[in-house]
Amino acid sequence: MKLTLGFSPCPNDTFIFDALVHHKIDTEGLDARWKRHSSLAQYTRDWAISYGQSLFPEEGCESETITCIKNDLNWNVNAINDYLLKNGYRMDRGYGTLRGKAFRIPHMGNIYLDDLIEYLECFDEALKNV
């Protein structure tokens, strides 16, 4: 007996089903994801403040997915970025009139604490070497 489907399966559904079955998609849930973003944001803020930098946005206006740091210490963000690029990372050096005066560290999407720690350790190395 030959089985014949009366429809063509949607390729997107097929790919998503395969990804879910083989644990290729993180299923942490939206609430847990936002909680993780908030935790990573606080970790990054604490890191910046521990260096003597301040946050660029007004208190209460901070993002949970990206930390904008005011470059109070006048770090050479171009040299830091070059160091990061050589090590497989990058940074946002600011834009427009804020270029070099503020920089941003993202911690959104599928970034986890281990990823952020690894990134910030490389950033720490950059600060010692530039």
Protein backbone atom coordinates (compact mmCIF):
# COMPACT_ATOMS: atom_id res chain seq x y z
CA MET A 1 0.00 0.00 0.00
CA LYS A 2 1.35 3.37 -1.01
CA LEU A 3 0.68 6.35 1.26
CA THR A 4 -0.18 9.53 -0.57
CA LEU A 5 -0.51 12.83 1.25
CA GLY A 6 -3.35 15.05 0.17
CA PHE A 7 -1.27 18.16 0.82
CA SER A 8 2.26 19.46 0.68
CA PRO A 9 3.72 20.15 4.13
CA CYS A 10 4.86 23.71 4.71
CA PRO A 11 8.69 23.79 4.58
CA ASN A 12 8.86 26.31 7.44
CA ASP A 13 6.77 24.04 9.68
CA THR A 14 8.97 21.10 8.75
CA PHE A 15 12.16 23.00 9.63
CA ILE A 16 10.72 24.26 12.92
CA PHE A 17 9.47 20.79 13.87
CA ASP A 18 12.91 19.33 13.14
CA ALA A 19 14.59 22.07 15.17
CA LEU A 20 12.28 21.53 18.14
CA VAL A 21 12.66 17.75 18.06
CA HIS A 22 16.45 18.01 17.89
CA HIS A 23 16.65 20.76 20.54
CA LYS A 24 18.00 23.35 18.13
CA ILE A 25 15.58 25.99 19.42
CA ASP A 26 15.72 27.30 22.94
CA THR A 27 12.30 26.96 24.51
CA GLU A 28 12.95 28.93 27.70
CA GLY A 29 9.74 30.91 27.28
CA LEU A 30 9.18 34.63 26.98
CA ASP A 31 9.03 35.43 30.71
CA ALA A 32 12.31 33.61 31.39
CA ARG A 33 13.90 35.30 28.38
CA TRP A 34 13.01 38.78 29.65
CA LYS A 35 14.22 37.86 33.13
CA ARG A 36 17.54 36.74 31.59
CA HIS A 37 17.82 40.00 29.63
CA SER A 38 17.20 41.98 32.81
CA SER A 39 19.82 39.98 34.70
CA LEU A 40 22.40 40.45 31.93
CA ALA A 41 21.63 44.16 31.81
CA GLN A 42 22.29 44.50 35.53
CA TYR A 43 25.50 42.48 35.24
CA THR A 44 26.73 44.78 32.46
CA ARG A 45 25.75 47.93 34.34
CA ASP A 46 27.58 46.72 37.44
CA TRP A 47 30.64 45.92 35.31
CA ALA A 48 30.71 49.42 33.80
CA ILE A 49 30.20 51.14 37.15
CA SER A 50 32.96 49.02 38.73
CA TYR A 51 35.35 50.67 36.26
CA GLY A 52 34.19 54.17 37.18
CA GLN A 53 32.04 54.67 34.09
CA SER A 54 28.44 55.82 34.33
CA LEU A 55 25.35 54.89 32.37
CA PHE A 56 24.32 57.19 29.54
CA PRO A 57 20.53 57.06 29.91
CA GLU A 58 18.73 58.77 32.74
CA GLU A 59 17.94 56.50 35.67
CA GLY A 60 14.80 54.53 34.93
CA CYS A 61 15.27 54.78 31.15
CA GLU A 62 17.83 52.00 30.78
CA SER A 63 17.27 49.26 28.23
CA GLU A 64 17.03 45.63 29.27
CA THR A 65 18.61 44.46 26.01
CA ILE A 66 21.54 46.84 25.51
CA THR A 67 23.60 48.88 27.97
CA CYS A 68 24.67 52.34 26.90
CA ILE A 69 27.74 53.48 28.82
CA LYS A 70 28.90 57.07 29.07
CA ASN A 71 32.63 57.12 28.34
CA ASP A 72 33.55 59.19 31.42
CA LEU A 73 37.08 57.79 31.44
CA ASN A 74 37.67 58.58 27.75
CA TRP A 75 38.59 55.05 26.82
CA ASN A 76 39.90 54.73 23.28
CA VAL A 77 36.88 52.88 21.95
CA ASN A 78 38.41 52.55 18.47
CA ALA A 79 41.44 50.73 19.87
CA ILE A 80 39.21 48.62 22.12
CA ASN A 81 37.05 47.71 19.14
CA ASP A 82 40.13 46.75 17.10
CA TYR A 83 41.28 44.47 19.94
CA LEU A 84 37.84 42.93 20.23
CA LEU A 85 37.65 42.36 16.46
CA LYS A 86 40.97 40.48 16.54
CA ASN A 87 39.44 38.21 19.18
CA GLY A 88 36.15 37.56 17.40
CA TYR A 89 34.04 40.25 19.08
CA ARG A 90 32.89 43.73 18.29
CA MET A 91 31.37 46.69 20.06
CA ASP A 92 29.20 49.65 19.24
CA ARG A 93 31.40 52.74 19.53
CA GLY A 94 28.54 55.20 19.53
CA TYR A 95 27.23 57.10 16.55
CA GLY A 96 26.86 60.65 15.37
CA THR A 97 27.90 63.23 17.95
CA LEU A 98 28.08 60.46 20.60
CA ARG A 99 30.75 58.46 18.78
CA GLY A 100 33.46 57.81 21.36
CA LYS A 101 31.51 59.63 24.07
CA ALA A 102 29.20 56.69 24.71
CA PHE A 103 29.33 53.05 23.71
CA ARG A 104 26.90 50.17 23.90
CA ILE A 105 27.15 46.55 24.95
CA PRO A 106 24.30 44.34 23.72
CA HIS A 107 22.95 41.43 25.75
CA MET A 108 19.82 40.46 23.88
CA GLY A 109 18.57 37.48 21.94
CA ASN A 110 20.47 34.28 22.57
CA ILE A 111 23.20 35.83 24.72
CA TYR A 112 23.65 34.01 28.03
CA LEU A 113 25.65 34.88 31.14
CA ASP A 114 28.62 32.73 30.07
CA ASP A 115 28.69 34.55 26.71
CA LEU A 116 28.56 37.96 28.38
CA ILE A 117 31.28 37.07 30.90
CA GLU A 118 33.52 35.84 28.08
CA TYR A 119 32.92 39.07 26.14
CA LEU A 120 33.58 41.30 29.15
CA GLU A 121 36.76 39.36 30.00
CA CYS A 122 38.00 40.08 26.48
CA PHE A 123 36.99 43.73 26.98
CA ASP A 124 38.99 43.71 30.24
CA GLU A 125 42.01 42.38 28.34
CA ALA A 126 41.54 45.12 25.75
CA LEU A 127 41.62 47.76 28.48
CA LYS A 128 44.95 46.38 29.72
CA ASN A 129 46.46 46.17 26.25
CA VAL A 130 45.42 49.36 24.43
